[in-house]
């Protein structure tokens, strides 16, 4: 199966810190995997590099066959807007806006008319089971509901790739299980999904687990390795 994301000898150095140290990773189309490891192991940096939010210091990153290093900022922004959906642990929702508005805001960079953005936002919220909560603000929603809004925002653009950074980290076990079920449903619909997590139970429930330590891949269990 063709690679959706491929990293070859990727390094990422922050001041005084080698966050990634020679990472090789291949993610095939339609995979569902977890990236696990202790704090400071490089797993979030890996997700950011895969999602083109950070450029590698050295090495090659390809997304759907395109060499990220050869793309300018405008092309990278377009790639993220059209092909990648992000879900973050802290939701990153606008506090004074409704759930529907928060999801629609995520489509601004796609150049869609306002009516189209609203229709897509409503459909995405229906998909995650929040159609009847679309006019509620974040402070009127539970933690699990806010994370579903964040997932709806990622899905509204119909991305081929969903990258989730600790999507259950701020949730209780029941809400976390609901988010895991939703990610499985999205995977069944054809999305390639990579989840960064420190939760061993969540990781064990996914078919592939990539373990990070000290900026390197310590093990890769479940297939898809280069």
N, C-alpha and C. Protein backbone atom coordinates (compact mmCIF):
# COMPACT_ATOMS: atom_id res chain seq x y z
N UNK A 1 0.85 -1.19 0.00
CA UNK A 1 0.00 0.00 0.00
C UNK A 1 0.89 1.24 0.00
N UNK A 2 0.46 2.29 -0.70
CA UNK A 2 1.29 3.48 -0.84
C UNK A 2 1.40 4.22 0.49
N UNK A 3 2.54 4.92 0.66
CA UNK A 3 2.78 5.69 1.89
C UNK A 3 2.07 7.03 1.81
N UNK A 4 1.33 7.37 2.87
CA UNK A 4 0.73 8.68 2.99
C UNK A 4 1.72 9.65 3.62
N UNK A 5 2.46 9.17 4.61
CA UNK A 5 3.51 9.95 5.26
C UNK A 5 4.76 9.09 5.31
N UNK A 6 5.88 9.68 4.97
CA UNK A 6 7.15 8.96 5.01
C UNK A 6 8.26 9.89 5.51
N UNK A 7 8.98 9.44 6.53
CA UNK A 7 10.11 10.18 7.09
C UNK A 7 11.37 9.34 6.90
N UNK A 8 12.44 10.01 6.44
CA UNK A 8 13.72 9.34 6.25
C UNK A 8 14.82 10.13 6.94
N UNK A 9 15.43 9.49 7.97
CA UNK A 9 16.55 10.08 8.72
C UNK A 9 16.22 11.52 9.14
N UNK A 10 15.08 11.69 9.77
CA UNK A 10 14.61 13.03 10.15
C UNK A 10 15.15 13.42 11.51
N UNK A 11 15.70 14.63 11.56
CA UNK A 11 16.19 15.24 12.79
C UNK A 11 15.44 16.55 13.02
N UNK A 12 15.18 16.85 14.28
CA UNK A 12 14.62 18.16 14.63
C UNK A 12 15.31 18.61 15.91
N UNK A 13 16.04 19.71 15.78
CA UNK A 13 16.82 20.22 16.90
C UNK A 13 16.25 21.56 17.34
N UNK A 14 15.86 21.63 18.61
CA UNK A 14 15.50 22.88 19.25
C UNK A 14 16.71 23.37 20.04
N UNK A 15 16.76 24.62 20.44
CA UNK A 15 17.92 25.10 21.22
C UNK A 15 18.21 24.21 22.43
N UNK A 16 19.32 23.54 22.37
CA UNK A 16 19.74 22.69 23.47
C UNK A 16 19.06 21.34 23.54
N UNK A 17 18.15 21.04 22.61
CA UNK A 17 17.40 19.79 22.67
C UNK A 17 17.34 19.14 21.28
N UNK A 18 17.69 17.86 21.22
CA UNK A 18 17.52 17.10 19.98
C UNK A 18 16.20 16.35 20.09
N UNK A 19 15.13 16.97 19.58
CA UNK A 19 13.80 16.41 19.76
C UNK A 19 13.59 15.16 18.92
N UNK A 20 14.12 15.15 17.70
CA UNK A 20 14.08 13.97 16.84
C UNK A 20 15.49 13.66 16.39
N UNK A 21 15.85 12.38 16.42
CA UNK A 21 17.24 11.99 16.18
C UNK A 21 17.29 10.81 15.21
N UNK A 22 17.17 11.13 13.91
CA UNK A 22 17.29 10.09 12.89
C UNK A 22 16.08 9.19 12.78
N UNK A 23 14.91 9.76 12.67
CA UNK A 23 13.67 8.98 12.63
C UNK A 23 13.35 8.51 11.22
N UNK A 24 13.10 7.22 11.08
CA UNK A 24 12.57 6.62 9.85
C UNK A 24 11.17 6.09 10.17
N UNK A 25 10.18 6.51 9.39
CA UNK A 25 8.81 6.08 9.65
C UNK A 25 8.01 6.12 8.36
N UNK A 26 7.23 5.08 8.14
CA UNK A 26 6.35 5.02 6.97
C UNK A 26 4.94 4.70 7.44
N UNK A 27 3.98 5.53 7.06
CA UNK A 27 2.57 5.31 7.39
C UNK A 27 1.82 5.11 6.08
N UNK A 28 1.21 3.94 5.95
CA UNK A 28 0.50 3.61 4.72
C UNK A 28 -0.91 4.19 4.75
N UNK A 29 -1.48 4.35 3.57
CA UNK A 29 -2.85 4.85 3.45
C UNK A 29 -3.80 3.94 4.22
N UNK A 30 -4.68 4.55 5.02
CA UNK A 30 -5.69 3.81 5.74
C UNK A 30 -5.24 3.20 7.05
N UNK A 31 -4.03 3.52 7.52
CA UNK A 31 -3.58 2.98 8.80
C UNK A 31 -4.21 3.74 9.97
N UNK A 32 -4.26 3.06 11.11
CA UNK A 32 -4.66 3.63 12.40
C UNK A 32 -3.59 3.24 13.40
N UNK A 33 -2.84 4.22 13.89
CA UNK A 33 -1.71 3.90 14.75
C UNK A 33 -1.59 4.88 15.90
N UNK A 34 -0.89 4.43 16.93
CA UNK A 34 -0.59 5.27 18.08
C UNK A 34 0.91 5.51 18.13
N UNK A 35 1.30 6.72 18.51
CA UNK A 35 2.69 7.06 18.82
C UNK A 35 2.74 7.28 20.33
N UNK A 36 3.54 6.47 21.01
CA UNK A 36 3.57 6.50 22.47
C UNK A 36 4.99 6.74 22.95
N UNK A 37 5.10 7.11 24.23
CA UNK A 37 6.40 7.36 24.82
C UNK A 37 6.27 8.30 25.99
N UNK A 38 7.30 8.36 26.85
CA UNK A 38 7.26 9.26 28.00
C UNK A 38 7.34 10.72 27.57
N UNK A 39 7.05 11.62 28.49
CA UNK A 39 7.18 13.05 28.21
C UNK A 39 8.62 13.35 27.79
N UNK A 40 8.76 14.17 26.75
CA UNK A 40 10.08 14.52 26.27
C UNK A 40 10.69 13.52 25.32
N UNK A 41 9.92 12.49 24.92
CA UNK A 41 10.48 11.47 24.03
C UNK A 41 10.49 11.90 22.57
N UNK A 42 9.75 12.98 22.24
CA UNK A 42 9.73 13.46 20.86
C UNK A 42 8.45 13.17 20.11
N UNK A 43 7.46 12.58 20.78
CA UNK A 43 6.27 12.15 20.05
C UNK A 43 5.44 13.33 19.52
N UNK A 44 5.29 14.40 20.29
CA UNK A 44 4.54 15.55 19.79
C UNK A 44 5.30 16.26 18.68
N UNK A 45 6.61 16.36 18.82
CA UNK A 45 7.41 16.94 17.75
C UNK A 45 7.28 16.12 16.48
N UNK A 46 7.27 14.81 16.62
CA UNK A 46 7.08 13.95 15.45
C UNK A 46 5.76 14.25 14.76
N UNK A 47 4.70 14.41 15.55
CA UNK A 47 3.39 14.72 14.97
C UNK A 47 3.42 16.06 14.24
N UNK A 48 4.07 17.05 14.84
CA UNK A 48 4.15 18.38 14.22
C UNK A 48 4.93 18.33 12.92
N UNK A 49 5.99 17.54 12.89
CA UNK A 49 6.78 17.42 11.66
C UNK A 49 5.97 16.69 10.59
N UNK A 50 5.27 15.63 10.97
CA UNK A 50 4.44 14.91 10.00
C UNK A 50 3.34 15.81 9.44
N UNK A 51 2.82 16.70 10.29
CA UNK A 51 1.75 17.58 9.87
C UNK A 51 2.21 18.88 9.25
N UNK A 52 3.52 19.02 9.05
CA UNK A 52 4.17 20.20 8.44
C UNK A 52 4.01 21.46 9.29
N UNK A 53 3.69 21.31 10.57
CA UNK A 53 3.67 22.47 11.47
C UNK A 53 5.08 22.88 11.85
N UNK A 54 6.02 21.94 11.78
CA UNK A 54 7.44 22.22 11.99
C UNK A 54 8.22 21.59 10.84
N UNK A 55 9.26 22.29 10.43
CA UNK A 55 10.15 21.72 9.41
C UNK A 55 11.28 20.96 10.08
N UNK A 56 11.71 19.84 9.49
CA UNK A 56 12.84 19.12 10.09
C UNK A 56 14.13 19.92 9.94
N UNK A 57 15.02 19.72 10.89
CA UNK A 57 16.35 20.32 10.79
C UNK A 57 17.16 19.62 9.71
N UNK A 58 16.95 18.32 9.57
CA UNK A 58 17.61 17.53 8.52
C UNK A 58 16.74 16.32 8.23
N UNK A 59 16.96 15.73 7.05
CA UNK A 59 16.19 14.56 6.65
C UNK A 59 15.06 14.92 5.69
N UNK A 60 14.30 13.91 5.29
CA UNK A 60 13.25 14.08 4.28
C UNK A 60 11.90 13.69 4.85
N UNK A 61 10.91 14.55 4.63
CA UNK A 61 9.52 14.27 4.99
C UNK A 61 8.69 14.36 3.73
N UNK A 62 7.94 13.30 3.46
CA UNK A 62 7.03 13.31 2.31
C UNK A 62 5.60 13.09 2.81
N UNK A 63 4.69 13.90 2.30
CA UNK A 63 3.26 13.77 2.60
C UNK A 63 2.54 13.55 1.28
N UNK A 64 1.91 12.39 1.15
CA UNK A 64 1.27 11.98 -0.10
C UNK A 64 2.22 12.14 -1.29
N UNK A 65 3.48 11.75 -1.07
CA UNK A 65 4.49 11.75 -2.11
C UNK A 65 5.17 13.08 -2.34
N UNK A 66 4.73 14.14 -1.69
CA UNK A 66 5.31 15.47 -1.89
C UNK A 66 6.39 15.73 -0.86
N UNK A 67 7.55 16.14 -1.33
CA UNK A 67 8.67 16.45 -0.46
C UNK A 67 8.39 17.78 0.24
N UNK A 68 8.16 17.72 1.54
CA UNK A 68 7.80 18.92 2.30
C UNK A 68 8.91 19.97 2.22
N UNK A 69 10.16 19.53 2.17
CA UNK A 69 11.28 20.46 2.13
C UNK A 69 11.32 21.29 0.86
N UNK A 70 10.65 20.84 -0.18
CA UNK A 70 10.64 21.57 -1.45
C UNK A 70 9.46 22.53 -1.56
N UNK A 71 8.60 22.58 -0.54
CA UNK A 71 7.41 23.42 -0.59
C UNK A 71 7.61 24.72 0.18
N UNK A 72 7.08 25.80 -0.36
CA UNK A 72 7.10 27.07 0.33
C UNK A 72 5.99 27.13 1.37
N UNK A 73 5.97 28.22 2.14
CA UNK A 73 5.00 28.34 3.22
C UNK A 73 3.56 28.31 2.70
N UNK A 74 3.30 28.96 1.58
CA UNK A 74 1.94 28.99 1.04
C UNK A 74 1.49 27.59 0.62
N UNK A 75 2.40 26.83 -0.01
CA UNK A 75 2.05 25.47 -0.42
C UNK A 75 1.84 24.56 0.79
N UNK A 76 2.63 24.76 1.85
CA UNK A 76 2.45 23.97 3.06
C UNK A 76 1.11 24.28 3.72
N UNK A 77 0.76 25.56 3.75
CA UNK A 77 -0.53 25.95 4.33
C UNK A 77 -1.68 25.32 3.54
N UNK A 78 -1.55 25.29 2.22
CA UNK A 78 -2.59 24.69 1.38
C UNK A 78 -2.67 23.18 1.62
N UNK A 79 -1.51 22.54 1.78
CA UNK A 79 -1.49 21.10 2.06
C UNK A 79 -2.20 20.80 3.37
N UNK A 80 -1.90 21.59 4.40
CA UNK A 80 -2.57 21.38 5.69
C UNK A 80 -4.07 21.63 5.58
N UNK A 81 -4.45 22.69 4.88
CA UNK A 81 -5.87 23.06 4.80
C UNK A 81 -6.70 22.02 4.07
N UNK A 82 -6.10 21.39 3.05
CA UNK A 82 -6.88 20.51 2.19
C UNK A 82 -6.70 19.02 2.48
N UNK A 83 -5.59 18.64 3.12
CA UNK A 83 -5.30 17.21 3.23
C UNK A 83 -5.14 16.69 4.66
N UNK A 84 -4.92 17.61 5.64
CA UNK A 84 -4.60 17.18 7.01
C UNK A 84 -5.57 17.81 8.00
N UNK A 85 -6.10 17.00 8.91
CA UNK A 85 -6.92 17.50 10.00
C UNK A 85 -6.19 17.30 11.32
N UNK A 86 -6.20 18.32 12.17
CA UNK A 86 -5.49 18.27 13.45
C UNK A 86 -6.49 18.26 14.61
N UNK A 87 -6.20 17.45 15.63
CA UNK A 87 -6.97 17.45 16.88
C UNK A 87 -5.96 17.60 18.01
N UNK A 88 -6.16 18.63 18.86
CA UNK A 88 -5.22 18.91 19.93
C UNK A 88 -5.85 18.64 21.29
N UNK A 89 -5.00 18.35 22.28
CA UNK A 89 -5.47 17.99 23.61
C UNK A 89 -6.31 19.09 24.24
N UNK A 90 -5.93 20.33 24.06
CA UNK A 90 -6.60 21.43 24.75
C UNK A 90 -7.71 22.06 23.90
N UNK A 91 -8.14 21.37 22.89
CA UNK A 91 -9.32 21.71 22.08
C UNK A 91 -9.09 22.92 21.17
N UNK A 92 -8.48 24.01 21.69
CA UNK A 92 -8.20 25.23 20.92
C UNK A 92 -9.48 25.77 20.27
N UNK A 93 -10.50 25.96 21.09
CA UNK A 93 -11.77 26.50 20.61
C UNK A 93 -11.90 27.96 21.01
N UNK A 94 -12.57 28.76 20.18
CA UNK A 94 -12.82 30.16 20.49
C UNK A 94 -13.94 30.24 21.53
N UNK A 95 -13.68 30.82 22.70
CA UNK A 95 -14.63 30.71 23.81
C UNK A 95 -15.97 31.41 23.58
N UNK A 96 -16.00 32.49 22.83
CA UNK A 96 -17.24 33.24 22.65
C UNK A 96 -18.05 32.84 21.44
N UNK A 97 -17.62 31.81 20.74
CA UNK A 97 -18.30 31.39 19.51
C UNK A 97 -18.98 30.05 19.71
N UNK A 98 -20.02 29.82 18.94
CA UNK A 98 -20.74 28.55 19.03
C UNK A 98 -19.89 27.41 18.50
N UNK A 99 -20.32 26.19 18.81
CA UNK A 99 -19.63 25.02 18.27
C UNK A 99 -19.61 25.06 16.75
N UNK A 100 -20.74 25.43 16.14
CA UNK A 100 -20.81 25.50 14.68
C UNK A 100 -19.85 26.54 14.12
N UNK A 101 -19.77 27.70 14.77
CA UNK A 101 -18.84 28.73 14.30
C UNK A 101 -17.40 28.28 14.45
N UNK A 102 -17.08 27.59 15.54
CA UNK A 102 -15.72 27.09 15.74
C UNK A 102 -15.32 26.13 14.63
N UNK A 103 -16.24 25.25 14.25
CA UNK A 103 -15.93 24.30 13.18
C UNK A 103 -15.81 25.03 11.85
N UNK A 104 -16.71 25.96 11.59
CA UNK A 104 -16.67 26.70 10.32
C UNK A 104 -15.40 27.52 10.18
N UNK A 105 -14.90 28.07 11.32
CA UNK A 105 -13.66 28.87 11.28
C UNK A 105 -12.50 28.05 10.72
N UNK A 106 -12.51 26.76 10.98
CA UNK A 106 -11.42 25.92 10.52
C UNK A 106 -11.37 25.77 9.01
N UNK A 107 -12.40 26.22 8.31
CA UNK A 107 -12.46 26.11 6.85
C UNK A 107 -12.10 27.41 6.15
N UNK A 108 -11.77 28.45 6.91
CA UNK A 108 -11.50 29.76 6.30
C UNK A 108 -10.39 29.69 5.26
N UNK A 109 -9.35 28.91 5.55
CA UNK A 109 -8.20 28.88 4.64
C UNK A 109 -8.46 28.09 3.37
N UNK A 110 -9.64 27.49 3.26
CA UNK A 110 -9.98 26.77 2.05
C UNK A 110 -10.70 27.65 1.04
N UNK A 111 -10.97 28.88 1.42
CA UNK A 111 -11.58 29.82 0.49
C UNK A 111 -13.03 29.52 0.17
N UNK A 112 -13.75 28.87 1.07
CA UNK A 112 -15.15 28.52 0.82
C UNK A 112 -16.07 29.69 1.15
N UNK A 113 -17.17 29.83 0.45
CA UNK A 113 -18.18 30.82 0.83
C UNK A 113 -18.73 30.52 2.22
N UNK A 114 -19.23 31.56 2.90
CA UNK A 114 -19.70 31.40 4.28
C UNK A 114 -20.80 30.35 4.39
N UNK A 115 -21.72 30.32 3.43
CA UNK A 115 -22.80 29.34 3.48
C UNK A 115 -22.31 27.92 3.40
N UNK A 116 -21.30 27.69 2.57
CA UNK A 116 -20.72 26.35 2.43
C UNK A 116 -20.01 25.94 3.70
N UNK A 117 -19.28 26.89 4.31
CA UNK A 117 -18.59 26.59 5.57
C UNK A 117 -19.60 26.20 6.65
N UNK A 118 -20.69 26.93 6.72
CA UNK A 118 -21.70 26.64 7.74
C UNK A 118 -22.33 25.27 7.51
N UNK A 119 -22.64 24.96 6.27
CA UNK A 119 -23.25 23.66 5.95
C UNK A 119 -22.30 22.52 6.30
N UNK A 120 -21.03 22.69 5.98
CA UNK A 120 -20.05 21.64 6.29
C UNK A 120 -19.87 21.50 7.80
N UNK A 121 -19.86 22.63 8.50
CA UNK A 121 -19.71 22.58 9.96
C UNK A 121 -20.87 21.84 10.59
N UNK A 122 -22.07 22.13 10.14
CA UNK A 122 -23.25 21.46 10.69
C UNK A 122 -23.19 19.96 10.41
N UNK A 123 -22.80 19.58 9.20
CA UNK A 123 -22.70 18.16 8.85
C UNK A 123 -21.65 17.45 9.69
N UNK A 124 -20.52 18.13 9.92
CA UNK A 124 -19.46 17.52 10.73
C UNK A 124 -19.90 17.33 12.17
N UNK A 125 -20.63 18.30 12.71
CA UNK A 125 -21.13 18.17 14.08
C UNK A 125 -22.17 17.05 14.18
N UNK A 126 -23.00 16.91 13.16
CA UNK A 126 -23.93 15.78 13.13
C UNK A 126 -23.16 14.46 13.14
N UNK A 127 -22.07 14.43 12.41
CA UNK A 127 -21.29 13.20 12.29
C UNK A 127 -20.71 12.76 13.64
N UNK A 128 -20.36 13.73 14.49
CA UNK A 128 -19.78 13.39 15.80
C UNK A 128 -20.85 13.40 16.90
N UNK A 129 -22.11 13.45 16.51
CA UNK A 129 -23.19 13.34 17.48
C UNK A 129 -23.53 14.61 18.22
N UNK A 130 -23.19 15.77 17.66
CA UNK A 130 -23.44 17.05 18.34
C UNK A 130 -24.33 17.99 17.53
N UNK A 131 -25.13 17.44 16.64
CA UNK A 131 -25.99 18.29 15.83
C UNK A 131 -26.92 19.15 16.67
N UNK A 132 -27.39 18.59 17.80
CA UNK A 132 -28.32 19.34 18.64
C UNK A 132 -27.62 20.29 19.60
N UNK A 133 -26.28 20.32 19.56
CA UNK A 133 -25.50 21.20 20.44
C UNK A 133 -24.72 22.25 19.64
N UNK A 134 -25.05 22.38 18.38
CA UNK A 134 -24.21 23.20 17.50
C UNK A 134 -24.21 24.68 17.86
N UNK A 135 -25.25 25.16 18.55
CA UNK A 135 -25.32 26.58 18.91
C UNK A 135 -24.78 26.86 20.31
N UNK A 136 -24.26 25.85 20.98
CA UNK A 136 -23.71 26.03 22.31
C UNK A 136 -22.25 26.50 22.24
N UNK A 137 -21.88 27.36 23.17
CA UNK A 137 -20.49 27.80 23.27
C UNK A 137 -19.68 26.75 24.03
N UNK A 138 -18.34 26.80 23.91
CA UNK A 138 -17.51 25.80 24.59
C UNK A 138 -17.77 25.70 26.09
N UNK A 139 -18.04 26.84 26.76
CA UNK A 139 -18.26 26.78 28.20
C UNK A 139 -19.60 26.15 28.57
N UNK A 140 -20.41 25.86 27.58
CA UNK A 140 -21.69 25.19 27.80
C UNK A 140 -21.62 23.71 27.44
N UNK A 141 -20.43 23.24 27.11
CA UNK A 141 -20.23 21.85 26.71
C UNK A 141 -19.32 21.13 27.70
N UNK A 142 -19.48 19.82 27.80
CA UNK A 142 -18.57 19.01 28.62
C UNK A 142 -17.22 18.86 27.92
N UNK A 143 -16.24 18.34 28.65
CA UNK A 143 -14.94 18.12 28.05
C UNK A 143 -15.01 17.19 26.85
N UNK A 144 -15.77 16.11 26.98
CA UNK A 144 -15.91 15.18 25.86
C UNK A 144 -16.58 15.82 24.66
N UNK A 145 -17.57 16.67 24.93
CA UNK A 145 -18.25 17.36 23.83
C UNK A 145 -17.32 18.36 23.15
N UNK A 146 -16.50 19.05 23.93
CA UNK A 146 -15.55 20.00 23.34
C UNK A 146 -14.54 19.28 22.46
N UNK A 147 -14.12 18.09 22.90
CA UNK A 147 -13.19 17.34 22.06
C UNK A 147 -13.87 16.87 20.79
N UNK A 148 -15.16 16.55 20.86
CA UNK A 148 -15.89 16.18 19.66
C UNK A 148 -16.01 17.37 18.70
N UNK A 149 -16.18 18.57 19.25
CA UNK A 149 -16.18 19.76 18.40
C UNK A 149 -14.83 19.89 17.70
N UNK A 150 -13.74 19.66 18.45
CA UNK A 150 -12.41 19.75 17.86
C UNK A 150 -12.23 18.72 16.75
N UNK A 151 -12.78 17.53 16.96
CA UNK A 151 -12.69 16.50 15.92
C UNK A 151 -13.55 16.88 14.72
N UNK A 152 -14.73 17.43 14.99
CA UNK A 152 -15.58 17.89 13.89
C UNK A 152 -14.88 18.96 13.06
N UNK A 153 -14.16 19.86 13.73
CA UNK A 153 -13.41 20.89 13.02
C UNK A 153 -12.35 20.26 12.12
N UNK A 154 -11.70 19.22 12.62
CA UNK A 154 -10.69 18.53 11.80
C UNK A 154 -11.33 17.83 10.61
N UNK A 155 -12.56 17.34 10.79
CA UNK A 155 -13.20 16.54 9.74
C UNK A 155 -13.95 17.36 8.71
N UNK A 156 -14.28 18.59 9.04
CA UNK A 156 -15.14 19.38 8.16
C UNK A 156 -14.54 19.55 6.76
N UNK A 157 -13.22 19.55 6.69
CA UNK A 157 -12.57 19.68 5.39
C UNK A 157 -12.35 18.37 4.68
N UNK A 158 -12.88 17.26 5.25
CA UNK A 158 -12.75 15.93 4.66
C UNK A 158 -11.29 15.57 4.40
N UNK A 159 -10.42 15.63 5.44
CA UNK A 159 -9.00 15.37 5.23
C UNK A 159 -8.71 13.89 5.01
N UNK A 160 -7.64 13.62 4.27
CA UNK A 160 -7.20 12.24 4.09
C UNK A 160 -6.44 11.74 5.31
N UNK A 161 -5.86 12.68 6.08
CA UNK A 161 -5.00 12.35 7.21
C UNK A 161 -5.52 13.10 8.44
N UNK A 162 -5.67 12.39 9.55
CA UNK A 162 -6.04 13.03 10.82
C UNK A 162 -4.91 12.76 11.82
N UNK A 163 -4.36 13.84 12.38
CA UNK A 163 -3.29 13.75 13.37
C UNK A 163 -3.84 14.27 14.69
N UNK A 164 -3.85 13.41 15.71
CA UNK A 164 -4.45 13.75 17.00
C UNK A 164 -3.40 13.70 18.09
N UNK A 165 -3.22 14.81 18.81
CA UNK A 165 -2.22 14.92 19.87
C UNK A 165 -2.92 14.83 21.22
N UNK A 166 -2.77 13.68 21.89
CA UNK A 166 -3.39 13.44 23.20
C UNK A 166 -4.88 13.77 23.19
N UNK A 167 -5.67 13.20 22.29
CA UNK A 167 -7.07 13.59 22.18
C UNK A 167 -7.93 13.21 23.38
N UNK A 168 -7.44 12.28 24.22
CA UNK A 168 -8.21 11.89 25.41
C UNK A 168 -7.52 12.34 26.70
N UNK A 169 -6.46 13.13 26.57
CA UNK A 169 -5.64 13.47 27.74
C UNK A 169 -6.36 14.24 28.82
N UNK A 170 -7.34 15.08 28.47
CA UNK A 170 -8.05 15.88 29.46
C UNK A 170 -9.44 15.31 29.80
N UNK A 171 -9.70 14.07 29.41
CA UNK A 171 -11.04 13.52 29.55
C UNK A 171 -11.08 12.37 30.55
N UNK A 172 -12.26 12.15 31.14
CA UNK A 172 -12.42 10.98 31.99
C UNK A 172 -12.50 9.73 31.11
N UNK A 173 -12.51 8.56 31.75
CA UNK A 173 -12.41 7.32 30.99
C UNK A 173 -13.61 7.12 30.06
N UNK A 174 -14.79 7.51 30.50
CA UNK A 174 -15.98 7.32 29.67
C UNK A 174 -15.92 8.20 28.42
N UNK A 175 -15.59 9.49 28.62
CA UNK A 175 -15.49 10.39 27.47
C UNK A 175 -14.35 9.96 26.55
N UNK A 176 -13.24 9.51 27.13
CA UNK A 176 -12.11 9.04 26.33
C UNK A 176 -12.48 7.85 25.48
N UNK A 177 -13.27 6.92 26.04
CA UNK A 177 -13.71 5.76 25.26
C UNK A 177 -14.59 6.19 24.10
N UNK A 178 -15.40 7.23 24.31
CA UNK A 178 -16.24 7.74 23.23
C UNK A 178 -15.42 8.33 22.11
N UNK A 179 -14.33 9.05 22.46
CA UNK A 179 -13.46 9.61 21.44
C UNK A 179 -12.76 8.50 20.67
N UNK A 180 -12.33 7.46 21.36
CA UNK A 180 -11.69 6.33 20.68
C UNK A 180 -12.65 5.67 19.71
N UNK A 181 -13.90 5.48 20.11
CA UNK A 181 -14.90 4.90 19.21
C UNK A 181 -15.08 5.77 17.97
N UNK A 182 -15.08 7.09 18.17
CA UNK A 182 -15.25 8.00 17.04
C UNK A 182 -14.06 7.91 16.09
N UNK A 183 -12.84 7.85 16.62
CA UNK A 183 -11.67 7.71 15.77
C UNK A 183 -11.72 6.41 14.98
N UNK A 184 -12.19 5.36 15.60
CA UNK A 184 -12.32 4.08 14.88
C UNK A 184 -13.34 4.21 13.75
N UNK A 185 -14.43 4.92 14.01
CA UNK A 185 -15.44 5.11 12.96
C UNK A 185 -14.84 5.88 11.78
N UNK A 186 -14.06 6.90 12.08
CA UNK A 186 -13.44 7.71 11.01
C UNK A 186 -12.46 6.86 10.22
N UNK A 187 -11.73 6.01 10.92
CA UNK A 187 -10.80 5.11 10.25
C UNK A 187 -11.55 4.15 9.33
N UNK A 188 -12.67 3.65 9.82
CA UNK A 188 -13.48 2.73 9.00
C UNK A 188 -14.00 3.42 7.74
N UNK A 189 -14.15 4.74 7.80
CA UNK A 189 -14.60 5.51 6.63
C UNK A 189 -13.46 5.81 5.66
N UNK A 190 -12.23 5.40 6.01
CA UNK A 190 -11.12 5.53 5.07
C UNK A 190 -10.02 6.48 5.45
N UNK A 191 -10.15 7.21 6.57
CA UNK A 191 -9.11 8.16 6.95
C UNK A 191 -7.88 7.44 7.50
N UNK A 192 -6.72 8.01 7.25
CA UNK A 192 -5.48 7.58 7.89
C UNK A 192 -5.34 8.37 9.19
N UNK A 193 -5.20 7.68 10.32
CA UNK A 193 -5.24 8.35 11.61
C UNK A 193 -4.01 7.98 12.43
N UNK A 194 -3.33 9.01 12.93
CA UNK A 194 -2.19 8.84 13.83
C UNK A 194 -2.50 9.57 15.13
N UNK A 195 -2.43 8.84 16.24
CA UNK A 195 -2.77 9.38 17.56
C UNK A 195 -1.53 9.37 18.44
N UNK A 196 -1.11 10.54 18.92
CA UNK A 196 -0.07 10.63 19.94
C UNK A 196 -0.74 10.50 21.30
N UNK A 197 -0.23 9.60 22.14
CA UNK A 197 -0.86 9.39 23.43
C UNK A 197 0.14 8.86 24.45
N UNK A 198 -0.12 9.18 25.73
CA UNK A 198 0.63 8.55 26.81
C UNK A 198 -0.22 7.49 27.50
N UNK A 199 -1.43 7.27 26.97
CA UNK A 199 -2.39 6.34 27.57
C UNK A 199 -2.14 4.93 27.04
N UNK A 200 -1.63 4.02 27.87
CA UNK A 200 -1.31 2.68 27.38
C UNK A 200 -2.54 1.89 26.93
N UNK A 201 -3.69 2.15 27.56
CA UNK A 201 -4.90 1.43 27.17
C UNK A 201 -5.37 1.86 25.79
N UNK A 202 -5.31 3.16 25.52
CA UNK A 202 -5.69 3.64 24.19
C UNK A 202 -4.74 3.06 23.15
N UNK A 203 -3.44 3.13 23.42
CA UNK A 203 -2.45 2.61 22.46
C UNK A 203 -2.66 1.12 22.20
N UNK A 204 -2.95 0.36 23.26
CA UNK A 204 -3.12 -1.08 23.10
C UNK A 204 -4.35 -1.41 22.26
N UNK A 205 -5.31 -0.47 22.20
CA UNK A 205 -6.53 -0.72 21.44
C UNK A 205 -6.35 -0.47 19.94
N UNK A 206 -5.22 0.11 19.54
CA UNK A 206 -4.99 0.43 18.13
C UNK A 206 -4.10 -0.63 17.49
N UNK A 207 -4.24 -0.84 16.18
CA UNK A 207 -3.54 -1.96 15.54
C UNK A 207 -2.04 -1.79 15.39
N UNK A 208 -1.53 -0.55 15.50
CA UNK A 208 -0.09 -0.34 15.37
C UNK A 208 0.36 0.64 16.44
N UNK A 209 1.53 0.36 17.04
CA UNK A 209 2.08 1.22 18.08
C UNK A 209 3.53 1.52 17.79
N UNK A 210 3.85 2.79 17.68
CA UNK A 210 5.22 3.25 17.48
C UNK A 210 5.68 3.88 18.79
N UNK A 211 6.71 3.32 19.39
CA UNK A 211 7.19 3.81 20.68
C UNK A 211 8.42 4.69 20.49
N UNK A 212 8.35 5.90 21.08
CA UNK A 212 9.44 6.86 20.99
C UNK A 212 10.22 6.90 22.31
N UNK A 213 11.51 7.11 22.20
CA UNK A 213 12.36 7.34 23.37
C UNK A 213 13.58 8.15 22.93
N UNK A 214 13.80 9.25 23.63
CA UNK A 214 14.97 10.10 23.36
C UNK A 214 15.05 10.52 21.89
N UNK A 215 13.91 10.83 21.31
CA UNK A 215 13.88 11.33 19.95
C UNK A 215 14.03 10.28 18.87
N UNK A 216 14.04 9.01 19.27
CA UNK A 216 14.20 7.92 18.30
C UNK A 216 13.02 6.95 18.42
N UNK A 217 12.82 6.16 17.38
CA UNK A 217 11.82 5.10 17.44
C UNK A 217 12.44 3.89 18.12
N UNK A 218 11.91 3.56 19.30
CA UNK A 218 12.44 2.44 20.06
C UNK A 218 11.85 1.12 19.58
N UNK A 219 10.59 1.13 19.15
CA UNK A 219 9.96 -0.07 18.61
C UNK A 219 8.78 0.31 17.74
N UNK A 220 8.41 -0.60 16.87
CA UNK A 220 7.29 -0.38 15.95
C UNK A 220 6.53 -1.69 15.83
N UNK A 221 5.38 -1.75 16.48
CA UNK A 221 4.62 -2.98 16.60
C UNK A 221 3.33 -2.89 15.83
N UNK A 222 3.17 -3.70 14.81
CA UNK A 222 1.91 -3.74 14.12
C UNK A 222 1.99 -3.57 12.62
N UNK A 223 3.18 -3.34 12.09
CA UNK A 223 3.32 -3.28 10.63
C UNK A 223 3.49 -1.87 10.13
N UNK A 224 3.78 -1.80 8.83
CA UNK A 224 3.93 -0.51 8.16
C UNK A 224 5.29 0.10 8.27
N UNK A 225 6.22 -0.54 8.98
CA UNK A 225 7.57 0.03 9.12
C UNK A 225 8.29 0.01 7.80
N UNK A 226 9.28 0.92 7.60
CA UNK A 226 9.99 0.95 6.33
C UNK A 226 10.81 -0.32 6.12
